[in-house]
Amino acid sequence: MEFVDIILISASALRLAVPVLLAAMGGLYAESSGVVDIGLEGKMLFGAFAAGTCAALTGDAWLGLLGGVSVAITIASAQAFASITLRGNQIVIGLAVNILASGLTAFLGIAWFQRGGQTPSLDGAARFGSITFPFVEQISAVPVLGLIYRDVLSNQTVLTYFALAAVLITWVVLYRTRYGLRIRACGDKPEAVDSAGISVAGLRYSTMAINGALCGLAGAYLALVQGGAFFRDMTAGQGYMALAALIFGNWRPGRVFAACIVFAFADALQGRLQGTALASFEIPVQLIQAVPYLLTILLLAGIVGKAEGPAAAGKPYIKGER
């Protein structure tokens, strides 16, 4: 594999990492506060459908983004109500969100657009275009760094740059602000937060709202950037990959980012490997497509029992109980 191929795969990996990274950051907020979120996949799917629908009807990508984020926040709020106020089983509720998203988005897509669950194709102002950095032509002539600047750092969409910024913002919020300290305390020892006169439920509701917004952005990216429309079950397990990145990254923003990049690099690599042959044996396409998921399973199998999440994660808090 030549150096240019590595640069192109890296650029592709960065694009593919965006939805997983945004969803993982959303899951990090929720789980740091003590709410286990299996429903990342479902909220991404709702966000993608709403974004694709709004963009198709208005012809504006920003309105599509707003629609995707709004719907995902609404679903996250309903999930929070069932998990926090009604104290339901958080894993079951998350799975219910995923199942509902898979069925309802397909049903509404068929009912509204008669395209087999797909929204109309998006183009022009209805999609986010790439942003070209200044002096690309001049800097691209520089060996190595020029290619990285031109193909990896430049020619990405605004959502890609926001996803990268979200990692830094999340780290600052969780580890350098009073709000972040309260979130982490809420996930480890909620009774201490309660005894300080801070609402545990209020904190968890706020993190679920952030969670919904980030999942909505992830879904909107799929519809408004990658797919150019909403397709049935277009998340294809990326919400579960985001959850795996959380575990593999041990609930630390930097490590979660690294895990997302590893998964995305494997996904980009399988795209390049399709159609290649090993000696006289052609590698089956299905096996190559399974590479990112196999890698996810192998990495999780290697750390199961070692990852330590928030101590109170998944446990509904009842005021006065110890």
Protein backbone atom coordinates (compact mmCIF):
# COMPACT_ATOMS: atom_id res chain seq x y z
CA MET A 1 0.00 0.00 0.00
CA GLU A 2 1.46 3.35 -1.04
CA PHE A 3 1.62 6.47 1.14
CA VAL A 4 -1.03 8.19 -0.98
CA ASP A 5 -3.40 5.28 -0.32
CA ILE A 6 -2.85 5.65 3.42
CA ILE A 7 -3.69 9.36 3.21
CA LEU A 8 -6.87 8.66 1.22
CA ILE A 9 -7.94 5.94 3.66
CA SER A 10 -7.27 8.31 6.57
CA ALA A 11 -9.42 11.00 4.96
CA SER A 12 -12.20 8.47 4.41
CA ALA A 13 -11.84 7.20 7.98
CA LEU A 14 -12.26 10.72 9.36
CA ARG A 15 -15.50 11.12 7.42
CA LEU A 16 -16.79 7.73 8.49
CA ALA A 17 -15.89 8.40 12.14
CA VAL A 18 -18.11 11.48 12.45
CA PRO A 19 -21.51 9.84 13.21
CA VAL A 20 -19.98 7.26 15.55
CA LEU A 21 -17.94 9.95 17.32
CA LEU A 22 -20.89 12.30 17.81
CA ALA A 23 -23.10 9.49 19.14
CA ALA A 24 -20.30 8.26 21.42
CA MET A 25 -19.85 11.74 22.90
CA GLY A 26 -23.60 11.88 23.49
CA GLY A 27 -23.51 8.50 25.20
CA LEU A 28 -20.58 9.68 27.32
CA TYR A 29 -22.64 12.52 28.81
CA ALA A 30 -25.56 10.23 29.61
CA GLU A 31 -23.52 7.39 31.08
CA SER A 32 -21.26 9.70 33.06
CA SER A 33 -24.38 10.89 34.87
CA GLY A 34 -25.54 7.32 35.55
CA VAL A 35 -27.96 6.67 32.66
CA VAL A 36 -27.03 3.63 30.56
CA ASP A 37 -27.97 4.43 26.98
CA ILE A 38 -28.49 1.50 24.62
CA GLY A 39 -30.70 3.72 22.47
CA LEU A 40 -27.96 5.61 20.61
CA GLU A 41 -28.79 3.74 17.41
CA GLY A 42 -32.47 4.64 17.60
CA LYS A 43 -31.90 8.34 18.25
CA MET A 44 -29.44 8.48 15.35
CA LEU A 45 -32.06 6.87 13.12
CA PHE A 46 -34.79 9.30 14.23
CA GLY A 47 -32.38 12.20 13.68
CA ALA A 48 -31.45 10.97 10.21
CA PHE A 49 -35.08 10.55 9.19
CA ALA A 50 -36.13 13.96 10.52
CA ALA A 51 -33.11 15.67 8.94
CA GLY A 52 -33.69 14.01 5.57
CA THR A 53 -37.39 14.85 5.66
CA CYS A 54 -36.95 18.49 6.68
CA ALA A 55 -34.16 19.07 4.17
CA ALA A 56 -36.21 17.47 1.38
CA LEU A 57 -39.25 19.62 2.17
CA THR A 58 -37.41 22.91 2.71
CA GLY A 59 -34.35 22.50 0.49
CA ASP A 60 -32.17 23.81 3.33
CA ALA A 61 -29.54 21.65 5.05
CA TRP A 62 -29.51 23.83 8.17
CA LEU A 63 -33.26 23.44 8.64
CA GLY A 64 -32.79 19.71 8.12
CA LEU A 65 -30.11 19.73 10.81
CA LEU A 66 -32.42 21.63 13.16
CA GLY A 67 -35.21 19.14 12.52
CA GLY A 68 -32.95 16.15 13.16
CA VAL A 69 -31.59 17.58 16.41
CA SER A 70 -35.05 18.62 17.65
CA VAL A 71 -36.59 15.19 17.08
CA ALA A 72 -33.64 13.39 18.67
CA ILE A 73 -33.83 15.64 21.76
CA THR A 74 -37.56 14.89 22.01
CA ILE A 75 -36.90 11.14 21.88
CA ALA A 76 -34.07 11.48 24.41
CA SER A 77 -36.37 13.42 26.74
CA ALA A 78 -39.02 10.69 26.52
CA GLN A 79 -36.31 8.10 27.21
CA ALA A 80 -35.14 10.16 30.19
CA PHE A 81 -38.67 10.39 31.57
CA ALA A 82 -39.08 6.61 31.40
CA SER A 83 -35.62 5.94 32.85
CA ILE A 84 -35.31 8.68 35.48
CA THR A 85 -38.80 9.66 36.58
CA LEU A 86 -40.56 6.31 36.06
CA ARG A 87 -37.37 4.39 37.04
CA GLY A 88 -37.77 1.85 34.26
CA ASN A 89 -35.10 -0.61 33.21
CA GLN A 90 -32.69 1.55 31.23
CA ILE A 91 -31.45 -1.23 28.94
CA VAL A 92 -34.98 -2.31 28.01
CA ILE A 93 -36.00 1.30 27.38
CA GLY A 94 -32.98 1.86 25.14
CA LEU A 95 -33.75 -1.26 23.15
CA ALA A 96 -37.36 -0.10 22.82
CA VAL A 97 -36.11 3.19 21.33
CA ASN A 98 -34.05 1.26 18.78
CA ILE A 99 -36.91 -1.02 17.79
CA LEU A 100 -39.37 1.89 17.58
CA ALA A 101 -36.96 3.90 15.42
CA SER A 102 -36.38 1.04 12.99
CA GLY A 103 -40.09 0.44 12.47
CA LEU A 104 -41.52 3.96 12.71
CA THR A 105 -39.04 5.68 10.39
CA ALA A 106 -39.63 3.04 7.70
CA PHE A 107 -43.41 3.28 8.15
CA LEU A 108 -43.47 7.07 7.94
CA GLY A 109 -41.07 7.07 4.99
CA ILE A 110 -43.35 4.74 3.04
CA ALA A 111 -46.50 6.62 4.06
CA TRP A 112 -45.15 10.09 3.23
CA PHE A 113 -42.89 9.54 0.22
CA GLN A 114 -43.87 6.14 -1.28
CA ARG A 115 -40.21 5.32 -1.89
CA GLY A 116 -39.84 2.14 0.12
CA GLY A 117 -38.95 4.04 3.27
CA GLN A 118 -36.50 6.41 1.59
CA THR A 119 -36.83 10.20 1.55
CA PRO A 120 -36.29 12.15 -1.70
CA SER A 121 -32.68 12.58 -2.79
CA LEU A 122 -30.97 15.74 -1.59
CA ASP A 123 -28.71 18.03 -3.55
CA GLY A 124 -27.53 21.62 -3.66
CA ALA A 125 -28.39 23.64 -0.56
CA ALA A 126 -30.18 20.64 0.97
CA ARG A 127 -26.80 18.98 1.65
CA PHE A 128 -23.72 20.16 3.49
CA GLY A 129 -20.81 20.75 1.16
CA SER A 130 -17.14 20.38 1.95
CA ILE A 131 -15.06 23.31 3.15
CA THR A 132 -11.78 23.98 1.36
CA PHE A 133 -9.02 25.52 3.46
CA PRO A 134 -7.08 28.51 2.11
CA PHE A 135 -3.85 27.99 0.15
CA VAL A 136 -4.61 24.32 -0.52
CA GLU A 137 -2.97 24.35 -3.93
CA GLN A 138 0.23 25.92 -2.63
CA ILE A 139 0.54 23.81 0.52
CA SER A 140 -0.33 20.55 -1.25
CA ALA A 141 3.04 20.75 -3.00
CA VAL A 142 4.80 20.24 0.36
CA PRO A 143 5.75 16.55 0.77
CA VAL A 144 3.65 14.56 3.28
CA LEU A 145 2.20 17.55 5.16
CA GLY A 146 0.73 18.97 1.97
CA LEU A 147 -1.24 15.80 1.27
CA ILE A 148 -2.49 15.66 4.85
CA TYR A 149 -3.56 19.30 4.70
CA ARG A 150 -5.30 18.88 1.33
CA ASP A 151 -6.95 15.46 1.67
CA VAL A 152 -7.45 14.95 5.41
CA LEU A 153 -7.79 18.32 7.13
CA SER A 154 -9.38 20.21 4.23
CA ASN A 155 -12.42 19.24 2.15
CA GLN A 156 -14.46 18.15 5.15
CA THR A 157 -17.92 19.39 6.13
CA VAL A 158 -18.77 21.68 9.02
CA LEU A 159 -20.16 18.70 10.94
CA THR A 160 -16.79 16.94 10.75
CA TYR A 161 -15.04 19.89 12.35
CA PHE A 162 -17.77 20.15 14.96
CA ALA A 163 -17.38 16.46 15.82
CA LEU A 164 -13.66 16.97 16.41
CA ALA A 165 -14.39 20.06 18.51
CA ALA A 166 -17.00 18.09 20.46
CA VAL A 167 -14.27 15.81 21.82
CA LEU A 168 -12.34 18.75 23.26
CA ILE A 169 -15.50 20.46 24.49
CA THR A 170 -16.64 17.28 26.21
CA TRP A 171 -13.27 16.86 27.94
CA VAL A 172 -13.34 20.49 29.13
CA VAL A 173 -16.94 20.23 30.34
CA LEU A 174 -16.50 16.93 32.19
CA TYR A 175 -13.07 17.58 33.72
CA ARG A 176 -12.66 21.35 33.95
CA THR A 177 -16.09 22.68 34.95
CA ARG A 178 -18.28 22.49 38.04
CA TYR A 179 -21.10 21.13 35.91
CA GLY A 180 -18.89 18.29 34.72
CA LEU A 181 -17.80 17.48 38.26
CA ARG A 182 -21.44 17.21 39.27
CA ILE A 183 -22.20 14.97 36.29
CA ARG A 184 -19.39 12.56 37.19
CA ALA A 185 -20.38 12.62 40.86
CA CYS A 186 -23.96 11.88 39.84
CA GLY A 187 -22.76 8.81 37.95
CA ASP A 188 -20.56 7.52 40.76
CA LYS A 189 -22.32 8.58 43.98
CA PRO A 190 -25.66 10.31 43.37
CA GLU A 191 -26.52 10.42 47.08
CA ALA A 192 -23.55 12.77 47.61
CA VAL A 193 -24.90 15.07 44.90
CA ASP A 194 -28.35 14.95 46.48
CA SER A 195 -26.98 15.73 49.94
CA ALA A 196 -25.33 18.84 48.49
CA GLY A 197 -28.76 20.11 47.47
CA ILE A 198 -28.34 19.41 43.75
CA SER A 199 -31.08 17.64 41.81
CA VAL A 200 -29.88 14.25 40.56
CA ALA A 201 -32.86 13.99 38.22
CA GLY A 202 -32.22 17.50 36.87
CA LEU A 203 -28.60 16.69 36.08
CA ARG A 204 -29.51 13.46 34.35
CA TYR A 205 -32.25 15.16 32.32
CA SER A 206 -29.74 17.79 31.17
CA THR A 207 -27.21 15.17 30.07
CA MET A 208 -29.91 13.29 28.18
CA ALA A 209 -30.81 16.51 26.35
CA ILE A 210 -27.16 16.90 25.30
CA ASN A 211 -27.16 13.23 24.40
CA GLY A 212 -30.17 13.72 22.13
CA ALA A 213 -28.64 16.76 20.45
CA LEU A 214 -25.40 14.94 19.63
CA CYS A 215 -27.23 11.83 18.40
CA GLY A 216 -29.40 14.07 16.24
CA LEU A 217 -26.27 15.64 14.75
CA ALA A 218 -24.90 12.14 14.08
CA GLY A 219 -28.09 11.10 12.31
CA ALA A 220 -28.25 14.35 10.36
CA TYR A 221 -24.70 13.75 9.14
CA LEU A 222 -25.75 10.38 7.73
CA ALA A 223 -28.66 11.88 5.80
CA LEU A 224 -27.29 15.29 4.83
CA VAL A 225 -23.67 14.37 4.10
CA GLN A 226 -23.01 10.66 3.62
CA GLY A 227 -26.26 9.35 2.17
CA GLY A 228 -27.79 12.37 0.48
CA ALA A 229 -31.17 11.11 1.74
CA PHE A 230 -32.62 8.92 4.45
CA PHE A 231 -32.56 5.19 3.80
CA ARG A 232 -34.24 2.50 5.86
CA ASP A 233 -31.99 1.42 8.79
CA MET A 234 -29.16 3.54 7.38
CA THR A 235 -27.35 3.64 10.73
CA ALA A 236 -26.35 -0.01 10.14
CA GLY A 237 -25.23 -0.63 13.71
CA GLN A 238 -23.18 2.54 14.12
CA GLY A 239 -25.00 3.39 17.34
CA TYR A 240 -23.86 0.08 18.80
CA MET A 241 -20.32 0.80 17.57
CA ALA A 242 -20.49 4.12 19.45
CA LEU A 243 -21.52 2.22 22.57
CA ALA A 244 -18.61 -0.18 22.03
CA ALA A 245 -16.26 2.80 21.65
CA LEU A 246 -17.47 4.07 25.03
CA ILE A 247 -16.58 0.78 26.70
CA PHE A 248 -13.32 0.36 24.81
CA GLY A 249 -12.40 3.97 25.64
CA ASN A 250 -13.24 3.41 29.31
CA TRP A 251 -15.58 6.43 29.30
CA ARG A 252 -12.73 8.91 28.65
CA PRO A 253 -13.22 11.42 25.78
CA GLY A 254 -9.72 11.02 24.32
CA ARG A 255 -9.78 7.24 24.44
CA VAL A 256 -13.30 7.14 23.02
CA PHE A 257 -12.13 9.32 20.14
CA ALA A 258 -9.24 6.93 19.48
CA ALA A 259 -11.61 3.95 19.50
CA CYS A 260 -13.94 5.66 17.00
CA ILE A 261 -11.00 6.39 14.68
CA VAL A 262 -9.87 2.75 14.88
CA PHE A 263 -13.36 1.49 13.98
CA ALA A 264 -13.68 4.04 11.16
CA PHE A 265 -10.23 3.19 9.79
CA ALA A 266 -11.27 -0.47 9.64
CA ASP A 267 -14.46 0.57 7.83
CA ALA A 268 -12.50 2.68 5.34
CA LEU A 269 -10.02 -0.12 4.82
CA GLN A 270 -12.73 -2.65 4.01
CA GLY A 271 -14.01 -0.29 1.34
CA ARG A 272 -10.57 -0.28 -0.29
CA LEU A 273 -10.18 -4.05 0.01
CA GLN A 274 -13.40 -4.94 -1.79
CA GLY A 275 -12.66 -6.65 -5.06
CA THR A 276 -9.08 -7.52 -4.13
CA ALA A 277 -7.70 -11.04 -4.30
CA LEU A 278 -5.36 -12.95 -2.03
CA ALA A 279 -3.16 -15.16 -4.26
CA SER A 280 -5.68 -17.00 -6.48
CA PHE A 281 -8.50 -16.69 -3.95
CA GLU A 282 -10.86 -13.71 -4.16
CA ILE A 283 -11.88 -12.44 -0.73
CA PRO A 284 -15.69 -12.56 -0.31
CA VAL A 285 -17.25 -9.10 -0.15
CA GLN A 286 -19.34 -10.10 2.87
CA LEU A 287 -16.22 -11.03 4.83
CA ILE A 288 -14.56 -7.71 4.01
CA GLN A 289 -17.69 -5.77 4.98
CA ALA A 290 -17.71 -7.55 8.33
CA VAL A 291 -14.19 -6.31 9.22
CA PRO A 292 -15.27 -3.27 11.32
CA TYR A 293 -17.78 -5.35 13.28
CA LEU A 294 -15.35 -8.21 13.82
CA LEU A 295 -12.78 -5.72 15.06
CA THR A 296 -15.35 -4.28 17.47
CA ILE A 297 -16.10 -7.73 18.89
CA LEU A 298 -12.42 -8.64 19.22
CA LEU A 299 -11.52 -5.40 20.98
CA LEU A 300 -14.44 -5.69 23.40
CA ALA A 301 -13.64 -9.35 24.07
CA GLY A 302 -10.13 -8.31 25.06
CA ILE A 303 -11.22 -5.70 27.60
CA VAL A 304 -14.40 -7.20 29.03
CA GLY A 305 -14.06 -7.24 32.80
CA LYS A 306 -11.36 -4.56 32.69
CA ALA A 307 -13.42 -1.51 31.74
CA GLU A 308 -14.83 0.34 34.73
CA GLY A 309 -17.76 2.63 34.04
CA PRO A 310 -19.60 4.93 36.45
CA ALA A 311 -20.48 3.04 39.62
CA ALA A 312 -24.15 4.07 39.66
CA ALA A 313 -24.77 3.60 35.94
CA GLY A 314 -28.07 1.90 35.23
CA LYS A 315 -29.35 2.29 38.78
CA PRO A 316 -32.40 4.54 39.23
CA TYR A 317 -31.86 6.98 42.10
CA ILE A 318 -34.53 7.10 44.80
CA LYS A 319 -34.18 10.05 47.14
CA GLY A 320 -33.48 9.01 50.71
CA GLU A 321 -32.18 5.54 49.83
CA ARG A 322 -28.53 4.63 50.43
